[in-house]
Amino acid sequence: MINKSVLKICKRMIVLGAVSTGLFGITLSSAFAAFPDHPIKLVVPWAPGGATDVLGRFIAKSLGERVGQPVIVENHAGAGGNIGTAAFVRAKADGYTLLMATSSTNAASPHLYKQLGFKPKSDFAPVAFVASIPNVLEVNKDSKYHTFNELLEAAKANPGRLNYGSAGVGSSQHLAASLLKHLTNIDVVHIPYKGSGPAVSDLLAGQFDFMIDTGSVSQVKSGALRALAVASQTRVAALPDVPTFKEQGLEGMYASAWYGIVAPAGTPADVIAYLNREINDVVQGPDMKVRLETMGAQVPEAQTAEQFSAFMESELTRYGELIKMSGAKMD
């Protein structure tokens, strides 16, 4: 027979176990319910002032208002976005450090750099797609070139004399210009910067001849820059008077940069789902859509984290083919 004292102890242990299990469940639930309970950091791996930075700050402000905690933008520029991205993947996978992923860093760079500092397929947990922005061919307002074909003729007549700026080697601007060089067989010189902001500043100052950029719509609208062509299949709503390359006789010149939010690999699925929902609500809001479209961005329908993950993987493949076809190289 079992000793009654032993039986009482066993019963007490079962009860305590049940209570502690319940408390543990409550603790876990409460912990997630409290997310976020301190500020979130959003890493922008480019210098201030460019399209990635502007988009990041738009998202950070509105997301912070929604989740009740500040979302602090941290710029970490260099090596075409790779330095900040490599530093980001070492962050704790808890949802409190996010990254503005781009087509440059997460799709193009893996095909351009031998040493990235991160693994494009395994170091990221995709969270939400934000927007895409077609590249626009731009010159300084005082430039003698008023049409794309005038610029093209000058480049062909003066090999190696014209130069263009970009946000860095492997950036969407660099890749778009490389595609243009491939399609038109022109010889122009690349001047890489550490982000779009510094490059646009020098274009405004007339330091180089042209740039194919995604984030300078406001300068075009103000008259500080002149847009000659849009690298999309249709005209951009923000610049309705600017013709596409196709309209001006150049087929195949399509180049858009895309932007999204990712977390470090290993971030809990429930945190990813929560952030996906909140960021989609931010991006799909009518006020945000207007702000994004004003800067030339095209906003897709809301995507799940899984859909964005599949998109990123397909873009990694597509950019590999595009870079090979365009002849883009580290230069």
C-alpha atoms as a PDB file:
ATOM      1  CA  MET A   1       0.000   0.000   0.000  1.00  0.00           C
ATOM      2  CA  ILE A   2       1.081   3.545  -0.699  1.00  0.00           C
ATOM      3  CA  ASN A   3       1.811   5.593   2.363  1.00  0.00           C
ATOM      4  CA  LYS A   4      -0.860   8.300   2.797  1.00  0.00           C
ATOM      5  CA  SER A   5       1.781  10.962   3.407  1.00  0.00           C
ATOM      6  CA  VAL A   6       3.501  10.066   0.157  1.00  0.00           C
ATOM      7  CA  LEU A   7       0.155  10.194  -1.659  1.00  0.00           C
ATOM      8  CA  LYS A   8      -0.533  13.676  -0.305  1.00  0.00           C
ATOM      9  CA  ILE A   9       2.902  14.874  -1.431  1.00  0.00           C
ATOM     10  CA  CYS A  10       2.316  13.481  -4.943  1.00  0.00           C
ATOM     11  CA  LYS A  11      -1.066  15.193  -5.202  1.00  0.00           C
ATOM     12  CA  ARG A  12       0.445  18.471  -4.028  1.00  0.00           C
ATOM     13  CA  MET A  13       3.214  18.199  -6.654  1.00  0.00           C
ATOM     14  CA  ILE A  14       0.649  17.584  -9.397  1.00  0.00           C
ATOM     15  CA  VAL A  15      -1.356  20.631  -8.326  1.00  0.00           C
ATOM     16  CA  LEU A  16       1.741  22.819  -8.077  1.00  0.00           C
ATOM     17  CA  GLY A  17       2.890  21.579 -11.467  1.00  0.00           C
ATOM     18  CA  ALA A  18      -0.430  22.480 -13.034  1.00  0.00           C
ATOM     19  CA  VAL A  19      -0.379  25.913 -11.422  1.00  0.00           C
ATOM     20  CA  SER A  20       3.208  26.608 -12.487  1.00  0.00           C
ATOM     21  CA  THR A  21       2.421  25.464 -16.037  1.00  0.00           C
ATOM     22  CA  GLY A  22      -0.510  27.847 -16.128  1.00  0.00           C
ATOM     23  CA  LEU A  23       1.600  30.660 -14.783  1.00  0.00           C
ATOM     24  CA  PHE A  24       4.309  29.855 -17.333  1.00  0.00           C
ATOM     25  CA  GLY A  25       1.759  30.063 -20.139  1.00  0.00           C
ATOM     26  CA  ILE A  26       0.493  33.373 -18.768  1.00  0.00           C
ATOM     27  CA  THR A  27       4.050  34.675 -18.556  1.00  0.00           C
ATOM     28  CA  LEU A  28       4.792  33.734 -22.175  1.00  0.00           C
ATOM     29  CA  SER A  29       1.531  35.210 -23.367  1.00  0.00           C
ATOM     30  CA  SER A  30       2.089  38.382 -21.375  1.00  0.00           C
ATOM     31  CA  ALA A  31       5.630  38.693 -22.699  1.00  0.00           C
ATOM     32  CA  PHE A  32       4.463  38.636 -26.300  1.00  0.00           C
ATOM     33  CA  ALA A  33       1.444  40.828 -25.526  1.00  0.00           C
ATOM     34  CA  ALA A  34       3.912  43.428 -24.266  1.00  0.00           C
ATOM     35  CA  PHE A  35       5.951  43.456 -27.504  1.00  0.00           C
ATOM     36  CA  PRO A  36       7.382  45.936 -28.039  1.00  0.00           C
ATOM     37  CA  ASP A  37       8.120  47.150 -24.526  1.00  0.00           C
ATOM     38  CA  HIS A  38      11.123  49.282 -25.519  1.00  0.00           C
ATOM     39  CA  PRO A  39      12.311  51.151 -28.639  1.00  0.00           C
ATOM     40  CA  ILE A  40      12.902  49.350 -31.928  1.00  0.00           C
ATOM     41  CA  LYS A  41      15.938  50.113 -34.093  1.00  0.00           C
ATOM     42  CA  LEU A  42      15.586  50.283 -37.880  1.00  0.00           C
ATOM     43  CA  VAL A  43      18.947  49.984 -39.624  1.00  0.00           C
ATOM     44  CA  VAL A  44      19.255  51.854 -42.935  1.00  0.00           C
ATOM     45  CA  PRO A  45      22.493  50.644 -44.570  1.00  0.00           C
ATOM     46  CA  TRP A  46      22.883  53.836 -46.608  1.00  0.00           C
ATOM     47  CA  ALA A  47      23.707  57.480 -45.912  1.00  0.00           C
ATOM     48  CA  PRO A  48      20.932  59.936 -44.940  1.00  0.00           C
ATOM     49  CA  GLY A  49      18.971  61.616 -47.710  1.00  0.00           C
ATOM     50  CA  GLY A  50      18.549  58.802 -50.237  1.00  0.00           C
ATOM     51  CA  ALA A  51      15.395  56.874 -51.115  1.00  0.00           C
ATOM     52  CA  THR A  52      16.083  54.059 -48.632  1.00  0.00           C
ATOM     53  CA  ASP A  53      16.586  56.565 -45.829  1.00  0.00           C
ATOM     54  CA  VAL A  54      13.464  58.568 -46.718  1.00  0.00           C
ATOM     55  CA  LEU A  55      11.316  55.422 -46.899  1.00  0.00           C
ATOM     56  CA  GLY A  56      12.810  54.133 -43.656  1.00  0.00           C
ATOM     57  CA  ARG A  57      11.976  57.343 -41.824  1.00  0.00           C
ATOM     58  CA  PHE A  58       8.426  57.377 -43.198  1.00  0.00           C
ATOM     59  CA  ILE A  59       7.886  53.816 -41.974  1.00  0.00           C
ATOM     60  CA  ALA A  60       9.660  54.353 -38.643  1.00  0.00           C
ATOM     61  CA  LYS A  61       7.545  57.330 -37.651  1.00  0.00           C
ATOM     62  CA  SER A  62       4.189  55.755 -38.489  1.00  0.00           C
ATOM     63  CA  LEU A  63       5.116  52.317 -37.143  1.00  0.00           C
ATOM     64  CA  GLY A  64       6.257  53.848 -33.862  1.00  0.00           C
ATOM     65  CA  GLU A  65       2.910  55.592 -33.496  1.00  0.00           C
ATOM     66  CA  ARG A  66       1.071  52.328 -34.101  1.00  0.00           C
ATOM     67  CA  VAL A  67       3.041  50.107 -31.723  1.00  0.00           C
ATOM     68  CA  GLY A  68       3.486  52.664 -28.955  1.00  0.00           C
ATOM     69  CA  GLN A  69       7.287  52.639 -28.962  1.00  0.00           C
ATOM     70  CA  PRO A  70       9.800  54.811 -30.842  1.00  0.00           C
ATOM     71  CA  VAL A  71      11.300  53.258 -33.968  1.00  0.00           C
ATOM     72  CA  ILE A  72      14.759  54.785 -34.232  1.00  0.00           C
ATOM     73  CA  VAL A  73      16.495  54.974 -37.613  1.00  0.00           C
ATOM     74  CA  GLU A  74      20.212  54.204 -37.549  1.00  0.00           C
ATOM     75  CA  ASN A  75      22.197  54.914 -40.724  1.00  0.00           C
ATOM     76  CA  HIS A  76      25.160  52.590 -41.266  1.00  0.00           C
ATOM     77  CA  ALA A  77      26.531  53.310 -44.749  1.00  0.00           C
ATOM     78  CA  GLY A  78      29.344  51.877 -46.825  1.00  0.00           C
ATOM     79  CA  ALA A  79      30.235  49.300 -49.489  1.00  0.00           C
ATOM     80  CA  GLY A  80      26.951  49.605 -51.355  1.00  0.00           C
ATOM     81  CA  GLY A  81      24.892  48.922 -48.221  1.00  0.00           C
ATOM     82  CA  ASN A  82      26.839  45.801 -47.309  1.00  0.00           C
ATOM     83  CA  ILE A  83      28.602  47.119 -44.204  1.00  0.00           C
ATOM     84  CA  GLY A  84      25.382  48.019 -42.398  1.00  0.00           C
ATOM     85  CA  THR A  85      23.705  44.819 -43.547  1.00  0.00           C
ATOM     86  CA  ALA A  86      26.595  42.661 -42.329  1.00  0.00           C
ATOM     87  CA  ALA A  87      26.480  44.369 -38.937  1.00  0.00           C
ATOM     88  CA  PHE A  88      22.703  43.914 -38.763  1.00  0.00           C
ATOM     89  CA  VAL A  89      22.728  40.123 -39.141  1.00  0.00           C
ATOM     90  CA  ARG A  90      24.684  39.874 -35.881  1.00  0.00           C
ATOM     91  CA  ALA A  91      21.860  41.549 -33.927  1.00  0.00           C
ATOM     92  CA  LYS A  92      19.736  39.637 -31.434  1.00  0.00           C
ATOM     93  CA  ALA A  93      16.785  37.928 -33.153  1.00  0.00           C
ATOM     94  CA  ASP A  94      14.044  39.379 -30.964  1.00  0.00           C
ATOM     95  CA  GLY A  95      12.260  41.849 -33.253  1.00  0.00           C
ATOM     96  CA  TYR A  96      13.902  44.920 -31.741  1.00  0.00           C
ATOM     97  CA  THR A  97      16.411  45.340 -34.578  1.00  0.00           C
ATOM     98  CA  LEU A  98      15.055  45.568 -38.130  1.00  0.00           C
ATOM     99  CA  LEU A  99      16.650  46.364 -41.484  1.00  0.00           C
ATOM    100  CA  MET A 100      15.585  48.258 -44.581  1.00  0.00           C
ATOM    101  CA  ALA A 101      16.387  45.556 -47.132  1.00  0.00           C
ATOM    102  CA  THR A 102      16.777  46.626 -50.747  1.00  0.00           C
ATOM    103  CA  SER A 103      17.196  45.116 -54.176  1.00  0.00           C
ATOM    104  CA  SER A 104      20.771  46.419 -54.106  1.00  0.00           C
ATOM    105  CA  THR A 105      21.925  44.732 -50.909  1.00  0.00           C
ATOM    106  CA  ASN A 106      19.724  41.631 -50.868  1.00  0.00           C
ATOM    107  CA  ALA A 107      19.492  40.778 -54.567  1.00  0.00           C
ATOM    108  CA  ALA A 108      22.328  42.445 -56.507  1.00  0.00           C
ATOM    109  CA  SER A 109      25.257  42.516 -54.073  1.00  0.00           C
ATOM    110  CA  PRO A 110      25.464  38.722 -53.641  1.00  0.00           C
ATOM    111  CA  HIS A 111      26.349  38.529 -57.350  1.00  0.00           C
ATOM    112  CA  LEU A 112      28.836  41.395 -57.250  1.00  0.00           C
ATOM    113  CA  TYR A 113      30.819  40.893 -54.041  1.00  0.00           C
ATOM    114  CA  LYS A 114      32.931  37.890 -53.117  1.00  0.00           C
ATOM    115  CA  GLN A 115      32.934  38.842 -49.428  1.00  0.00           C
ATOM    116  CA  LEU A 116      29.527  40.077 -48.256  1.00  0.00           C
ATOM    117  CA  GLY A 117      29.633  39.474 -44.533  1.00  0.00           C
ATOM    118  CA  PHE A 118      26.165  37.919 -44.663  1.00  0.00           C
ATOM    119  CA  LYS A 119      24.316  35.024 -46.283  1.00  0.00           C
ATOM    120  CA  PRO A 120      21.446  36.298 -48.460  1.00  0.00           C
ATOM    121  CA  LYS A 121      19.338  33.138 -48.152  1.00  0.00           C
ATOM    122  CA  SER A 122      19.763  32.259 -44.487  1.00  0.00           C
ATOM    123  CA  ASP A 123      20.606  35.365 -42.442  1.00  0.00           C
ATOM    124  CA  PHE A 124      17.253  37.133 -42.808  1.00  0.00           C
ATOM    125  CA  ALA A 125      13.668  36.682 -41.693  1.00  0.00           C
ATOM    126  CA  PRO A 126      11.569  38.641 -44.244  1.00  0.00           C
ATOM    127  CA  VAL A 127       8.866  40.713 -42.561  1.00  0.00           C
ATOM    128  CA  ALA A 128       7.054  42.969 -45.050  1.00  0.00           C
ATOM    129  CA  PHE A 129       7.318  44.424 -48.548  1.00  0.00           C
ATOM    130  CA  VAL A 130       7.226  48.234 -48.524  1.00  0.00           C
ATOM    131  CA  ALA A 131       7.447  49.656 -52.058  1.00  0.00           C
ATOM    132  CA  SER A 132       9.254  49.713 -55.388  1.00  0.00           C
ATOM    133  CA  ILE A 133      10.546  52.808 -57.179  1.00  0.00           C
ATOM    134  CA  PRO A 134      11.372  52.957 -60.900  1.00  0.00           C
ATOM    135  CA  ASN A 135      14.718  54.587 -61.664  1.00  0.00           C
ATOM    136  CA  VAL A 136      14.688  57.965 -63.403  1.00  0.00           C
ATOM    137  CA  LEU A 137      17.443  59.363 -65.623  1.00  0.00           C
ATOM    138  CA  GLU A 138      18.261  62.835 -64.303  1.00  0.00           C
ATOM    139  CA  VAL A 139      20.626  65.707 -65.071  1.00  0.00           C
ATOM    140  CA  ASN A 140      21.369  69.025 -63.386  1.00  0.00           C
ATOM    141  CA  LYS A 141      18.913  71.833 -64.183  1.00  0.00           C
ATOM    142  CA  ASP A 142      21.677  73.701 -66.013  1.00  0.00           C
ATOM    143  CA  SER A 143      22.704  70.697 -68.097  1.00  0.00           C
ATOM    144  CA  LYS A 144      22.841  71.147 -71.852  1.00  0.00           C
ATOM    145  CA  TYR A 145      20.996  67.844 -72.261  1.00  0.00           C
ATOM    146  CA  HIS A 146      17.223  68.234 -72.507  1.00  0.00           C
ATOM    147  CA  THR A 147      16.282  64.782 -73.810  1.00  0.00           C
ATOM    148  CA  PHE A 148      17.571  61.260 -73.361  1.00  0.00           C
ATOM    149  CA  ASN A 149      18.612  61.068 -77.006  1.00  0.00           C
ATOM    150  CA  GLU A 150      20.702  64.259 -76.691  1.00  0.00           C
ATOM    151  CA  LEU A 151      22.579  62.669 -73.786  1.00  0.00           C
ATOM    152  CA  LEU A 152      22.928  59.406 -75.678  1.00  0.00           C
ATOM    153  CA  GLU A 153      24.349  61.109 -78.756  1.00  0.00           C
ATOM    154  CA  ALA A 154      26.882  63.007 -76.630  1.00  0.00           C
ATOM    155  CA  ALA A 155      27.975  59.798 -74.882  1.00  0.00           C
ATOM    156  CA  LYS A 156      28.465  58.018 -78.201  1.00  0.00           C
ATOM    157  CA  ALA A 157      30.405  60.954 -79.653  1.00  0.00           C
ATOM    158  CA  ASN A 158      32.654  61.253 -76.585  1.00  0.00           C
ATOM    159  CA  PRO A 159      33.577  57.780 -75.263  1.00  0.00           C
ATOM    160  CA  GLY A 160      34.809  57.851 -71.673  1.00  0.00           C
ATOM    161  CA  ARG A 161      34.144  61.593 -71.270  1.00  0.00           C
ATOM    162  CA  LEU A 162      30.716  61.593 -69.598  1.00  0.00           C
ATOM    163  CA  ASN A 163      30.326  60.365 -66.034  1.00  0.00           C
ATOM    164  CA  TYR A 164      27.491  59.284 -63.802  1.00  0.00           C
ATOM    165  CA  GLY A 165      26.981  58.978 -60.052  1.00  0.00           C
ATOM    166  CA  SER A 166      25.371  56.256 -57.963  1.00  0.00           C
ATOM    167  CA  ALA A 167      24.754  55.256 -54.361  1.00  0.00           C
ATOM    168  CA  GLY A 168      27.668  52.842 -54.602  1.00  0.00           C
ATOM    169  CA  VAL A 169      28.921  49.791 -56.445  1.00  0.00           C
ATOM    170  CA  GLY A 170      26.051  47.327 -56.789  1.00  0.00           C
ATOM    171  CA  SER A 171      23.373  49.890 -55.947  1.00  0.00           C
ATOM    172  CA  SER A 172      20.197  50.062 -58.019  1.00  0.00           C
ATOM    173  CA  GLN A 173      21.529  53.234 -59.673  1.00  0.00           C
ATOM    174  CA  HIS A 174      24.791  51.528 -60.627  1.00  0.00           C
ATOM    175  CA  LEU A 175      22.995  48.469 -61.949  1.00  0.00           C
ATOM    176  CA  ALA A 176      20.506  50.575 -63.922  1.00  0.00           C
ATOM    177  CA  ALA A 177      23.322  52.567 -65.511  1.00  0.00           C
ATOM    178  CA  SER A 178      25.187  49.346 -66.323  1.00  0.00           C
ATOM    179  CA  LEU A 179      22.084  48.073 -68.068  1.00  0.00           C
ATOM    180  CA  LEU A 180      21.866  51.338 -70.008  1.00  0.00           C
ATOM    181  CA  LYS A 181      25.514  50.972 -71.044  1.00  0.00           C
ATOM    182  CA  HIS A 182      24.851  47.413 -72.186  1.00  0.00           C
ATOM    183  CA  LEU A 183      21.744  48.296 -74.190  1.00  0.00           C
ATOM    184  CA  THR A 184      23.240  51.380 -75.888  1.00  0.00           C
ATOM    185  CA  ASN A 185      26.916  50.353 -76.084  1.00  0.00           C
ATOM    186  CA  ILE A 186      28.100  53.644 -74.591  1.00  0.00           C
ATOM    187  CA  ASP A 187      31.285  54.199 -72.585  1.00  0.00           C
ATOM    188  CA  VAL A 188      30.598  56.365 -69.509  1.00  0.00           C
ATOM    189  CA  VAL A 189      32.514  56.568 -66.227  1.00  0.00           C
ATOM    190  CA  HIS A 190      31.036  55.449 -62.899  1.00  0.00           C
ATOM    191  CA  ILE A 191      31.497  57.626 -59.778  1.00  0.00           C
ATOM    192  CA  PRO A 192      30.275  55.640 -56.734  1.00  0.00           C
ATOM    193  CA  TYR A 193      29.200  57.383 -53.518  1.00  0.00           C
ATOM    194  CA  LYS A 194      28.246  56.113 -50.062  1.00  0.00           C
ATOM    195  CA  GLY A 195      24.515  56.476 -50.628  1.00  0.00           C
ATOM    196  CA  SER A 196      22.061  58.340 -52.844  1.00  0.00           C
ATOM    197  CA  GLY A 197      22.052  61.479 -50.698  1.00  0.00           C
ATOM    198  CA  PRO A 198      25.694  62.451 -51.279  1.00  0.00           C
ATOM    199  CA  ALA A 199      25.446  61.506 -54.950  1.00  0.00           C
ATOM    200  CA  VAL A 200      22.353  63.647 -55.526  1.00  0.00           C
ATOM    201  CA  SER A 201      24.028  66.561 -53.705  1.00  0.00           C
ATOM    202  CA  ASP A 202      26.910  66.438 -56.178  1.00  0.00           C
ATOM    203  CA  LEU A 203      24.527  66.118 -59.137  1.00  0.00           C
ATOM    204  CA  LEU A 204      22.758  69.247 -57.889  1.00  0.00           C
ATOM    205  CA  ALA A 205      26.168  70.931 -57.780  1.00  0.00           C
ATOM    206  CA  GLY A 206      26.952  69.811 -61.330  1.00  0.00           C
ATOM    207  CA  GLN A 207      29.874  67.571 -60.332  1.00  0.00           C
ATOM    208  CA  PHE A 208      28.983  64.855 -62.862  1.00  0.00           C
ATOM    209  CA  ASP A 209      26.806  64.518 -65.957  1.00  0.00           C
ATOM    210  CA  PHE A 210      23.865  62.312 -65.023  1.00  0.00           C
ATOM    211  CA  MET A 211      22.397  59.843 -62.581  1.00  0.00           C
ATOM    212  CA  ILE A 212      19.751  57.129 -62.791  1.00  0.00           C
ATOM    213  CA  ASP A 213      18.097  57.466 -59.404  1.00  0.00           C
ATOM    214  CA  THR A 214      15.024  56.439 -57.432  1.00  0.00           C
ATOM    215  CA  GLY A 215      14.684  59.115 -54.769  1.00  0.00           C
ATOM    216  CA  SER A 216      15.018  62.524 -56.425  1.00  0.00           C
ATOM    217  CA  VAL A 217      11.434  63.200 -57.466  1.00  0.00           C
ATOM    218  CA  SER A 218      11.149  66.213 -55.158  1.00  0.00           C
ATOM    219  CA  GLN A 219      14.235  67.812 -56.728  1.00  0.00           C
ATOM    220  CA  VAL A 220      12.801  67.189 -60.195  1.00  0.00           C
ATOM    221  CA  LYS A 221       9.479  68.739 -59.202  1.00  0.00           C
ATOM    222  CA  SER A 222      11.238  71.758 -57.718  1.00  0.00           C
ATOM    223  CA  GLY A 223      13.203  72.283 -60.918  1.00  0.00           C
ATOM    224  CA  ALA A 224      16.608  71.624 -59.354  1.00  0.00           C
ATOM    225  CA  LEU A 225      17.014  68.507 -61.508  1.00  0.00           C
ATOM    226  CA  ARG A 226      15.717  67.670 -64.969  1.00  0.00           C
ATOM    227  CA  ALA A 227      14.274  64.191 -65.607  1.00  0.00           C
ATOM    228  CA  LEU A 228      14.892  62.775 -69.079  1.00  0.00           C
ATOM    229  CA  ALA A 229      13.431  59.256 -68.912  1.00  0.00           C
ATOM    230  CA  VAL A 230      11.756  56.738 -66.599  1.00  0.00           C
ATOM    231  CA  ALA A 231      12.969  53.131 -66.464  1.00  0.00           C
ATOM    232  CA  SER A 232       9.530  51.523 -66.243  1.00  0.00           C
ATOM    233  CA  GLN A 233       6.978  50.177 -68.679  1.00  0.00           C
ATOM    234  CA  THR A 234       4.567  53.040 -67.991  1.00  0.00           C
ATOM    235  CA  ARG A 235       5.036  56.620 -66.845  1.00  0.00           C
ATOM    236  CA  VAL A 236       5.248  57.345 -63.122  1.00  0.00           C
ATOM    237  CA  ALA A 237       2.256  59.115 -61.572  1.00  0.00           C
ATOM    238  CA  ALA A 238       4.519  61.559 -59.732  1.00  0.00           C
ATOM    239  CA  LEU A 239       6.203  62.602 -63.033  1.00  0.00           C
ATOM    240  CA  PRO A 240       3.469  62.322 -65.662  1.00  0.00           C
ATOM    241  CA  ASP A 241       5.317  64.469 -68.215  1.00  0.00           C
ATOM    242  CA  VAL A 242       8.508  62.386 -68.207  1.00  0.00           C
ATOM    243  CA  PRO A 243       8.536  59.747 -70.981  1.00  0.00           C
ATOM    244  CA  THR A 244       9.775  56.198 -70.545  1.00  0.00           C
ATOM    245  CA  PHE A 245      12.920  54.962 -72.264  1.00  0.00           C
ATOM    246  CA  LYS A 246      10.701  52.815 -74.473  1.00  0.00           C
ATOM    247  CA  GLU A 247       8.765  55.869 -75.645  1.00  0.00           C
ATOM    248  CA  GLN A 248      12.097  57.322 -76.741  1.00  0.00           C
ATOM    249  CA  GLY A 249      13.137  54.275 -78.737  1.00  0.00           C
ATOM    250  CA  LEU A 250      15.087  52.176 -76.229  1.00  0.00           C
ATOM    251  CA  GLU A 251      13.590  48.748 -75.560  1.00  0.00           C
ATOM    252  CA  GLY A 252      14.385  46.717 -72.451  1.00  0.00           C
ATOM    253  CA  MET A 253      15.422  49.583 -70.166  1.00  0.00           C
ATOM    254  CA  TYR A 254      13.384  48.588 -67.105  1.00  0.00           C
ATOM    255  CA  ALA A 255      14.927  49.047 -63.666  1.00  0.00           C
ATOM    256  CA  SER A 256      13.105  49.494 -60.377  1.00  0.00           C
ATOM    257  CA  ALA A 257      14.492  49.355 -56.868  1.00  0.00           C
ATOM    258  CA  TRP A 258      12.466  47.552 -54.202  1.00  0.00           C
ATOM    259  CA  TYR A 259      12.430  48.036 -50.444  1.00  0.00           C
ATOM    260  CA  GLY A 260      11.223  45.934 -47.539  1.00  0.00           C
ATOM    261  CA  ILE A 261      11.656  45.239 -43.837  1.00  0.00           C
ATOM    262  CA  VAL A 262      13.514  42.179 -42.569  1.00  0.00           C
ATOM    263  CA  ALA A 263      14.533  40.870 -39.149  1.00  0.00           C
ATOM    264  CA  PRO A 264      17.499  38.672 -38.213  1.00  0.00           C
ATOM    265  CA  ALA A 265      17.025  34.961 -38.925  1.00  0.00           C
ATOM    266  CA  GLY A 266      15.569  33.171 -35.926  1.00  0.00           C
ATOM    267  CA  THR A 267      13.198  35.947 -34.897  1.00  0.00           C
ATOM    268  CA  PRO A 268      10.070  34.328 -33.357  1.00  0.00           C
ATOM    269  CA  ALA A 269       7.267  33.681 -35.847  1.00  0.00           C
ATOM    270  CA  ASP A 270       4.658  35.456 -33.716  1.00  0.00           C
ATOM    271  CA  VAL A 271       6.820  38.601 -33.618  1.00  0.00           C
ATOM    272  CA  ILE A 272       7.248  38.434 -37.417  1.00  0.00           C
ATOM    273  CA  ALA A 273       3.486  38.044 -37.888  1.00  0.00           C
ATOM    274  CA  TYR A 274       2.792  40.982 -35.581  1.00  0.00           C
ATOM    275  CA  LEU A 275       5.284  43.258 -37.345  1.00  0.00           C
ATOM    276  CA  ASN A 276       4.022  42.160 -40.770  1.00  0.00           C
ATOM    277  CA  ARG A 277       0.491  43.133 -39.852  1.00  0.00           C
ATOM    278  CA  GLU A 278       1.495  46.503 -38.393  1.00  0.00           C
ATOM    279  CA  ILE A 279       3.834  47.453 -41.234  1.00  0.00           C
ATOM    280  CA  ASN A 280       1.260  46.456 -43.862  1.00  0.00           C
ATOM    281  CA  ASP A 281      -1.312  48.635 -42.108  1.00  0.00           C
ATOM    282  CA  VAL A 282       1.168  51.521 -42.185  1.00  0.00           C
ATOM    283  CA  VAL A 283       2.051  51.101 -45.873  1.00  0.00           C
ATOM    284  CA  GLN A 284      -1.526  50.518 -47.024  1.00  0.00           C
ATOM    285  CA  GLY A 285      -2.858  53.565 -45.167  1.00  0.00           C
ATOM    286  CA  PRO A 286      -4.197  56.225 -47.554  1.00  0.00           C
ATOM    287  CA  ASP A 287      -1.935  58.989 -46.219  1.00  0.00           C
ATOM    288  CA  MET A 288       1.181  56.846 -46.509  1.00  0.00           C
ATOM    289  CA  LYS A 289       0.259  55.729 -50.026  1.00  0.00           C
ATOM    290  CA  VAL A 290       0.019  59.360 -51.105  1.00  0.00           C
ATOM    291  CA  ARG A 291       3.389  60.158 -49.526  1.00  0.00           C
ATOM    292  CA  LEU A 292       5.037  57.188 -51.230  1.00  0.00           C
ATOM    293  CA  GLU A 293       3.483  57.866 -54.614  1.00  0.00           C
ATOM    294  CA  THR A 294       4.564  61.509 -54.333  1.00  0.00           C
ATOM    295  CA  MET A 295       8.191  60.362 -54.216  1.00  0.00           C
ATOM    296  CA  GLY A 296       7.655  58.109 -57.240  1.00  0.00           C
ATOM    297  CA  ALA A 297       7.065  54.853 -55.366  1.00  0.00           C
ATOM    298  CA  GLN A 298       4.645  52.140 -56.417  1.00  0.00           C
ATOM    299  CA  VAL A 299       2.899  50.403 -53.505  1.00  0.00           C
ATOM    300  CA  PRO A 300       1.928  46.739 -53.943  1.00  0.00           C
ATOM    301  CA  GLU A 301      -0.996  45.037 -52.234  1.00  0.00           C
ATOM    302  CA  ALA A 302      -0.260  43.790 -48.720  1.00  0.00           C
ATOM    303  CA  GLN A 303       1.852  40.629 -48.651  1.00  0.00           C
ATOM    304  CA  THR A 304       2.410  38.043 -45.959  1.00  0.00           C
ATOM    305  CA  ALA A 305       5.918  37.482 -44.641  1.00  0.00           C
ATOM    306  CA  GLU A 306       5.959  34.196 -46.564  1.00  0.00           C
ATOM    307  CA  GLN A 307       5.056  35.944 -49.818  1.00  0.00           C
ATOM    308  CA  PHE A 308       7.771  38.525 -49.289  1.00  0.00           C
ATOM    309  CA  SER A 309      10.256  35.734 -48.570  1.00  0.00           C
ATOM    310  CA  ALA A 310       9.379  34.014 -51.860  1.00  0.00           C
ATOM    311  CA  PHE A 311       9.698  37.340 -53.690  1.00  0.00           C
ATOM    312  CA  MET A 312      13.144  38.001 -52.216  1.00  0.00           C
ATOM    313  CA  GLU A 313      14.346  34.563 -53.263  1.00  0.00           C
ATOM    314  CA  SER A 314      13.050  35.021 -56.814  1.00  0.00           C
ATOM    315  CA  GLU A 315      14.690  38.457 -57.025  1.00  0.00           C
ATOM    316  CA  LEU A 316      18.022  36.999 -55.953  1.00  0.00           C
ATOM    317  CA  THR A 317      17.827  34.698 -58.961  1.00  0.00           C
ATOM    318  CA  ARG A 318      16.554  37.402 -61.324  1.00  0.00           C
ATOM    319  CA  TYR A 319      19.272  39.870 -60.394  1.00  0.00           C
ATOM    320  CA  GLY A 320      21.917  37.243 -60.975  1.00  0.00           C
ATOM    321  CA  GLU A 321      20.653  36.880 -64.527  1.00  0.00           C
ATOM    322  CA  LEU A 322      20.296  40.654 -64.946  1.00  0.00           C
ATOM    323  CA  ILE A 323      23.837  41.371 -63.751  1.00  0.00           C
ATOM    324  CA  LYS A 324      25.263  38.703 -66.022  1.00  0.00           C
ATOM    325  CA  MET A 325      23.308  40.087 -68.983  1.00  0.00           C
ATOM    326  CA  SER A 326      24.110  43.744 -68.250  1.00  0.00           C
ATOM    327  CA  GLY A 327      27.807  43.192 -67.747  1.00  0.00           C
ATOM    328  CA  ALA A 328      27.804  45.036 -64.421  1.00  0.00           C
ATOM    329  CA  LYS A 329      31.116  44.594 -62.612  1.00  0.00           C
ATOM    330  CA  MET A 330      32.863  45.901 -59.533  1.00  0.00           C
ATOM    331  CA  ASP A 331      34.522  49.085 -60.742  1.00  0.00           C
END
